[in-house]
Amino acid sequence: MRRLLASSAVLLFAAALPVGTGAIAYAESQAEPTVELIPAFSDDLPLSGAQHGPAAAASEVAAAPWVCTVYASDPSKFANTIEFEGFQSCTGTGWSPQRVKVTLQRYLGAGLWQNKKVVDSGNAYIDFLQRDGIYDCSGTGNEEYRVVTDGYAVNGAYHKSVQSLNYLRVTC
């Protein structure tokens, strides 16, 4: 008798629930994860690919004994990770040693950025340095990210930073 009452209660409870497209409508209303590249809007750093040398004026950079090019990739999403890279390439003489630091930053609003992951090469006596990074963004929600590459030369006496050309708005 007890078993019969329990199964009857389940049937009554199930019958009280609406049957139809309610569950389907709910599933359709759930937003799909978004991935969108947005052109860089912050002018706090120059855009990726800028060439720098020890002189300030562009005409003097061409005559400088060394020139470094700093690059920051656009951030990209793969599964629940954000991947990024940056490099610096130096030519000429007198730039050695060099170092590159690549940072993934999250936009907080009001022009503020928060460092989420940093990869650093340390000083090296080669003309090309590259660093890649991966950040696990699981459960962070809908956020906007950029990549910043800091290039150093002449054993840290020279420094330039660039940001990615595009930001990544992503739901993780």
C-alpha atoms as a PDB file:
ATOM      1  CA  MET A   1       0.000   0.000   0.000  1.00  0.00           C
ATOM      2  CA  ARG A   2       2.837   2.379   0.893  1.00  0.00           C
ATOM      3  CA  ARG A   3       4.517   1.740  -2.460  1.00  0.00           C
ATOM      4  CA  LEU A   4       1.246   2.422  -4.280  1.00  0.00           C
ATOM      5  CA  LEU A   5       0.786   5.755  -2.462  1.00  0.00           C
ATOM      6  CA  ALA A   6       4.342   6.843  -3.235  1.00  0.00           C
ATOM      7  CA  SER A   7       3.965   6.097  -6.948  1.00  0.00           C
ATOM      8  CA  SER A   8       0.585   7.878  -7.004  1.00  0.00           C
ATOM      9  CA  ALA A   9       2.170  10.951  -5.452  1.00  0.00           C
ATOM     10  CA  VAL A  10       4.833  10.971  -8.158  1.00  0.00           C
ATOM     11  CA  LEU A  11       2.168  10.767 -10.831  1.00  0.00           C
ATOM     12  CA  LEU A  12       0.175  13.592  -9.248  1.00  0.00           C
ATOM     13  CA  PHE A  13       3.333  15.737  -8.927  1.00  0.00           C
ATOM     14  CA  ALA A  14       4.350  15.037 -12.521  1.00  0.00           C
ATOM     15  CA  ALA A  15       0.870  15.873 -13.749  1.00  0.00           C
ATOM     16  CA  ALA A  16       0.989  19.199 -11.925  1.00  0.00           C
ATOM     17  CA  LEU A  17       4.072  20.287 -13.901  1.00  0.00           C
ATOM     18  CA  PRO A  18       3.372  22.031 -17.208  1.00  0.00           C
ATOM     19  CA  VAL A  19       4.046  19.836 -20.182  1.00  0.00           C
ATOM     20  CA  GLY A  20       4.968  21.453 -23.462  1.00  0.00           C
ATOM     21  CA  THR A  21       7.581  23.839 -24.752  1.00  0.00           C
ATOM     22  CA  GLY A  22       8.502  25.571 -21.473  1.00  0.00           C
ATOM     23  CA  ALA A  23      11.728  23.624 -21.073  1.00  0.00           C
ATOM     24  CA  ILE A  24      12.601  24.167 -24.731  1.00  0.00           C
ATOM     25  CA  ALA A  25      11.921  27.906 -24.510  1.00  0.00           C
ATOM     26  CA  TYR A  26      14.172  28.113 -21.440  1.00  0.00           C
ATOM     27  CA  ALA A  27      16.985  26.259 -23.247  1.00  0.00           C
ATOM     28  CA  GLU A  28      16.672  28.574 -26.244  1.00  0.00           C
ATOM     29  CA  SER A  29      16.849  31.682 -24.051  1.00  0.00           C
ATOM     30  CA  GLN A  30      20.266  30.690 -22.670  1.00  0.00           C
ATOM     31  CA  ALA A  31      22.932  32.813 -24.343  1.00  0.00           C
ATOM     32  CA  GLU A  32      25.585  30.989 -26.277  1.00  0.00           C
ATOM     33  CA  PRO A  33      29.168  31.741 -25.228  1.00  0.00           C
ATOM     34  CA  THR A  34      30.411  34.770 -27.128  1.00  0.00           C
ATOM     35  CA  VAL A  35      33.794  35.485 -28.617  1.00  0.00           C
ATOM     36  CA  GLU A  36      34.258  38.900 -30.181  1.00  0.00           C
ATOM     37  CA  LEU A  37      37.324  40.866 -31.252  1.00  0.00           C
ATOM     38  CA  ILE A  38      36.963  44.588 -30.523  1.00  0.00           C
ATOM     39  CA  PRO A  39      39.364  47.219 -31.913  1.00  0.00           C
ATOM     40  CA  ALA A  40      41.620  48.651 -29.221  1.00  0.00           C
ATOM     41  CA  PHE A  41      40.074  51.763 -27.676  1.00  0.00           C
ATOM     42  CA  SER A  42      42.514  52.577 -24.877  1.00  0.00           C
ATOM     43  CA  ASP A  43      45.292  54.957 -25.838  1.00  0.00           C
ATOM     44  CA  ASP A  44      47.366  54.328 -22.716  1.00  0.00           C
ATOM     45  CA  LEU A  45      49.814  52.237 -24.791  1.00  0.00           C
ATOM     46  CA  PRO A  46      50.783  52.299 -28.477  1.00  0.00           C
ATOM     47  CA  LEU A  47      49.438  49.539 -30.708  1.00  0.00           C
ATOM     48  CA  SER A  48      51.405  46.387 -31.449  1.00  0.00           C
ATOM     49  CA  GLY A  49      54.164  46.409 -34.045  1.00  0.00           C
ATOM     50  CA  ALA A  50      55.720  49.738 -33.069  1.00  0.00           C
ATOM     51  CA  GLN A  51      59.418  50.095 -33.790  1.00  0.00           C
ATOM     52  CA  HIS A  52      61.592  51.731 -31.174  1.00  0.00           C
ATOM     53  CA  GLY A  53      65.179  52.808 -30.911  1.00  0.00           C
ATOM     54  CA  PRO A  54      67.270  54.866 -28.512  1.00  0.00           C
ATOM     55  CA  ALA A  55      66.313  58.158 -30.217  1.00  0.00           C
ATOM     56  CA  ALA A  56      62.910  59.823 -29.798  1.00  0.00           C
ATOM     57  CA  ALA A  57      62.392  61.311 -33.270  1.00  0.00           C
ATOM     58  CA  ALA A  58      61.506  58.997 -36.163  1.00  0.00           C
ATOM     59  CA  SER A  59      64.283  60.452 -38.337  1.00  0.00           C
ATOM     60  CA  GLU A  60      66.828  59.702 -35.615  1.00  0.00           C
ATOM     61  CA  VAL A  61      65.559  56.106 -35.123  1.00  0.00           C
ATOM     62  CA  ALA A  62      66.607  55.236 -38.665  1.00  0.00           C
ATOM     63  CA  ALA A  63      70.148  56.417 -37.905  1.00  0.00           C
ATOM     64  CA  ALA A  64      70.322  54.704 -34.492  1.00  0.00           C
ATOM     65  CA  PRO A  65      72.818  51.843 -34.022  1.00  0.00           C
ATOM     66  CA  TRP A  66      69.936  49.534 -32.991  1.00  0.00           C
ATOM     67  CA  VAL A  67      66.176  49.210 -33.405  1.00  0.00           C
ATOM     68  CA  CYS A  68      63.736  46.887 -31.613  1.00  0.00           C
ATOM     69  CA  THR A  69      60.247  45.913 -32.784  1.00  0.00           C
ATOM     70  CA  VAL A  70      57.771  44.987 -30.058  1.00  0.00           C
ATOM     71  CA  TYR A  71      54.702  42.857 -30.863  1.00  0.00           C
ATOM     72  CA  ALA A  72      51.616  41.864 -28.857  1.00  0.00           C
ATOM     73  CA  SER A  73      49.179  39.335 -30.348  1.00  0.00           C
ATOM     74  CA  ASP A  74      45.424  39.596 -30.118  1.00  0.00           C
ATOM     75  CA  PRO A  75      44.143  37.289 -27.371  1.00  0.00           C
ATOM     76  CA  SER A  76      42.322  34.171 -28.631  1.00  0.00           C
ATOM     77  CA  LYS A  77      40.030  31.652 -26.972  1.00  0.00           C
ATOM     78  CA  PHE A  78      40.396  27.871 -27.058  1.00  0.00           C
ATOM     79  CA  ALA A  79      37.990  25.862 -24.878  1.00  0.00           C
ATOM     80  CA  ASN A  80      38.121  27.556 -21.448  1.00  0.00           C
ATOM     81  CA  THR A  81      41.509  29.158 -21.969  1.00  0.00           C
ATOM     82  CA  ILE A  82      42.751  32.419 -23.413  1.00  0.00           C
ATOM     83  CA  GLU A  83      45.991  32.189 -25.360  1.00  0.00           C
ATOM     84  CA  PHE A  84      48.364  35.069 -26.041  1.00  0.00           C
ATOM     85  CA  GLU A  85      51.882  35.807 -27.219  1.00  0.00           C
ATOM     86  CA  GLY A  86      54.361  38.607 -27.606  1.00  0.00           C
ATOM     87  CA  PHE A  87      57.844  39.099 -28.966  1.00  0.00           C
ATOM     88  CA  GLN A  88      60.613  41.592 -29.438  1.00  0.00           C
ATOM     89  CA  SER A  89      63.113  41.570 -32.264  1.00  0.00           C
ATOM     90  CA  CYS A  90      66.229  43.759 -32.151  1.00  0.00           C
ATOM     91  CA  THR A  91      68.661  44.602 -34.932  1.00  0.00           C
ATOM     92  CA  GLY A  92      71.879  46.570 -35.057  1.00  0.00           C
ATOM     93  CA  THR A  93      74.459  46.834 -32.293  1.00  0.00           C
ATOM     94  CA  GLY A  94      74.355  47.877 -28.645  1.00  0.00           C
ATOM     95  CA  TRP A  95      70.867  46.578 -27.703  1.00  0.00           C
ATOM     96  CA  SER A  96      72.043  43.427 -25.914  1.00  0.00           C
ATOM     97  CA  PRO A  97      70.900  41.938 -23.618  1.00  0.00           C
ATOM     98  CA  GLN A  98      67.164  42.177 -24.171  1.00  0.00           C
ATOM     99  CA  ARG A  99      64.113  40.909 -22.311  1.00  0.00           C
ATOM    100  CA  VAL A 100      60.413  40.539 -23.113  1.00  0.00           C
ATOM    101  CA  LYS A 101      57.489  40.370 -20.686  1.00  0.00           C
ATOM    102  CA  VAL A 102      54.025  39.455 -22.022  1.00  0.00           C
ATOM    103  CA  THR A 103      50.911  40.147 -19.919  1.00  0.00           C
ATOM    104  CA  LEU A 104      47.253  39.219 -20.345  1.00  0.00           C
ATOM    105  CA  GLN A 105      45.048  41.915 -18.824  1.00  0.00           C
ATOM    106  CA  ARG A 106      41.308  42.016 -18.005  1.00  0.00           C
ATOM    107  CA  TYR A 107      39.340  45.264 -18.376  1.00  0.00           C
ATOM    108  CA  LEU A 108      37.841  46.486 -15.104  1.00  0.00           C
ATOM    109  CA  GLY A 109      36.187  49.622 -16.508  1.00  0.00           C
ATOM    110  CA  ALA A 110      36.972  53.333 -16.207  1.00  0.00           C
ATOM    111  CA  GLY A 111      40.257  52.809 -18.081  1.00  0.00           C
ATOM    112  CA  LEU A 112      41.632  50.306 -15.543  1.00  0.00           C
ATOM    113  CA  TRP A 113      43.223  46.972 -16.499  1.00  0.00           C
ATOM    114  CA  GLN A 114      44.084  44.061 -14.186  1.00  0.00           C
ATOM    115  CA  ASN A 115      47.023  41.720 -14.856  1.00  0.00           C
ATOM    116  CA  LYS A 116      45.794  38.116 -15.035  1.00  0.00           C
ATOM    117  CA  LYS A 117      48.872  36.233 -16.315  1.00  0.00           C
ATOM    118  CA  VAL A 118      52.488  37.308 -16.945  1.00  0.00           C
ATOM    119  CA  VAL A 119      55.217  35.399 -18.801  1.00  0.00           C
ATOM    120  CA  ASP A 120      58.770  36.753 -18.705  1.00  0.00           C
ATOM    121  CA  SER A 121      61.810  35.727 -20.765  1.00  0.00           C
ATOM    122  CA  GLY A 122      64.503  37.080 -18.486  1.00  0.00           C
ATOM    123  CA  ASN A 123      67.591  38.669 -20.053  1.00  0.00           C
ATOM    124  CA  ALA A 124      68.930  37.024 -23.211  1.00  0.00           C
ATOM    125  CA  TYR A 125      71.715  37.732 -25.679  1.00  0.00           C
ATOM    126  CA  ILE A 126      69.748  36.781 -28.810  1.00  0.00           C
ATOM    127  CA  ASP A 127      68.054  39.103 -31.306  1.00  0.00           C
ATOM    128  CA  PHE A 128      64.544  37.552 -31.131  1.00  0.00           C
ATOM    129  CA  LEU A 129      62.615  36.719 -27.943  1.00  0.00           C
ATOM    130  CA  GLN A 130      59.090  35.313 -27.876  1.00  0.00           C
ATOM    131  CA  ARG A 131      56.852  34.205 -24.999  1.00  0.00           C
ATOM    132  CA  ASP A 132      53.446  32.491 -25.130  1.00  0.00           C
ATOM    133  CA  GLY A 133      50.906  32.296 -22.339  1.00  0.00           C
ATOM    134  CA  ILE A 134      47.707  30.433 -21.490  1.00  0.00           C
ATOM    135  CA  TYR A 135      45.153  31.634 -18.934  1.00  0.00           C
ATOM    136  CA  ASP A 136      42.316  29.457 -17.594  1.00  0.00           C
ATOM    137  CA  CYS A 137      39.242  31.690 -17.685  1.00  0.00           C
ATOM    138  CA  SER A 138      36.718  29.087 -16.449  1.00  0.00           C
ATOM    139  CA  GLY A 139      33.808  30.650 -14.601  1.00  0.00           C
ATOM    140  CA  THR A 140      34.925  34.260 -15.069  1.00  0.00           C
ATOM    141  CA  GLY A 141      31.788  35.259 -17.000  1.00  0.00           C
ATOM    142  CA  ASN A 142      31.750  37.803 -19.816  1.00  0.00           C
ATOM    143  CA  GLU A 143      35.021  39.753 -19.756  1.00  0.00           C
ATOM    144  CA  GLU A 144      37.258  41.781 -22.050  1.00  0.00           C
ATOM    145  CA  TYR A 145      40.980  41.011 -22.368  1.00  0.00           C
ATOM    146  CA  ARG A 146      44.027  42.523 -24.046  1.00  0.00           C
ATOM    147  CA  VAL A 147      47.689  41.571 -24.410  1.00  0.00           C
ATOM    148  CA  VAL A 148      50.518  43.915 -23.407  1.00  0.00           C
ATOM    149  CA  THR A 149      54.134  43.250 -24.358  1.00  0.00           C
ATOM    150  CA  ASP A 150      56.961  45.058 -22.567  1.00  0.00           C
ATOM    151  CA  GLY A 151      60.250  45.034 -24.445  1.00  0.00           C
ATOM    152  CA  TYR A 152      63.522  45.881 -22.719  1.00  0.00           C
ATOM    153  CA  ALA A 153      66.955  46.415 -24.262  1.00  0.00           C
ATOM    154  CA  VAL A 154      70.433  47.556 -23.198  1.00  0.00           C
ATOM    155  CA  ASN A 155      70.142  45.430 -20.039  1.00  0.00           C
ATOM    156  CA  GLY A 156      66.905  47.164 -18.977  1.00  0.00           C
ATOM    157  CA  ALA A 157      68.043  50.742 -19.639  1.00  0.00           C
ATOM    158  CA  TYR A 158      65.509  50.948 -22.491  1.00  0.00           C
ATOM    159  CA  HIS A 159      61.821  49.981 -22.267  1.00  0.00           C
ATOM    160  CA  LYS A 160      58.765  50.171 -24.543  1.00  0.00           C
ATOM    161  CA  SER A 161      55.263  48.706 -24.192  1.00  0.00           C
ATOM    162  CA  VAL A 162      52.638  47.920 -26.825  1.00  0.00           C
ATOM    163  CA  GLN A 163      49.098  46.556 -26.628  1.00  0.00           C
ATOM    164  CA  SER A 164      47.215  44.164 -28.900  1.00  0.00           C
ATOM    165  CA  LEU A 165      45.443  45.661 -31.909  1.00  0.00           C
ATOM    166  CA  ASN A 166      42.160  44.105 -30.766  1.00  0.00           C
ATOM    167  CA  TYR A 167      40.623  43.154 -27.438  1.00  0.00           C
ATOM    168  CA  LEU A 168      38.787  39.890 -26.891  1.00  0.00           C
ATOM    169  CA  ARG A 169      35.311  39.940 -25.323  1.00  0.00           C
ATOM    170  CA  VAL A 170      34.577  36.391 -24.260  1.00  0.00           C
ATOM    171  CA  THR A 171      32.248  34.402 -22.028  1.00  0.00           C
ATOM    172  CA  CYS A 172      34.065  31.645 -20.166  1.00  0.00           C
END
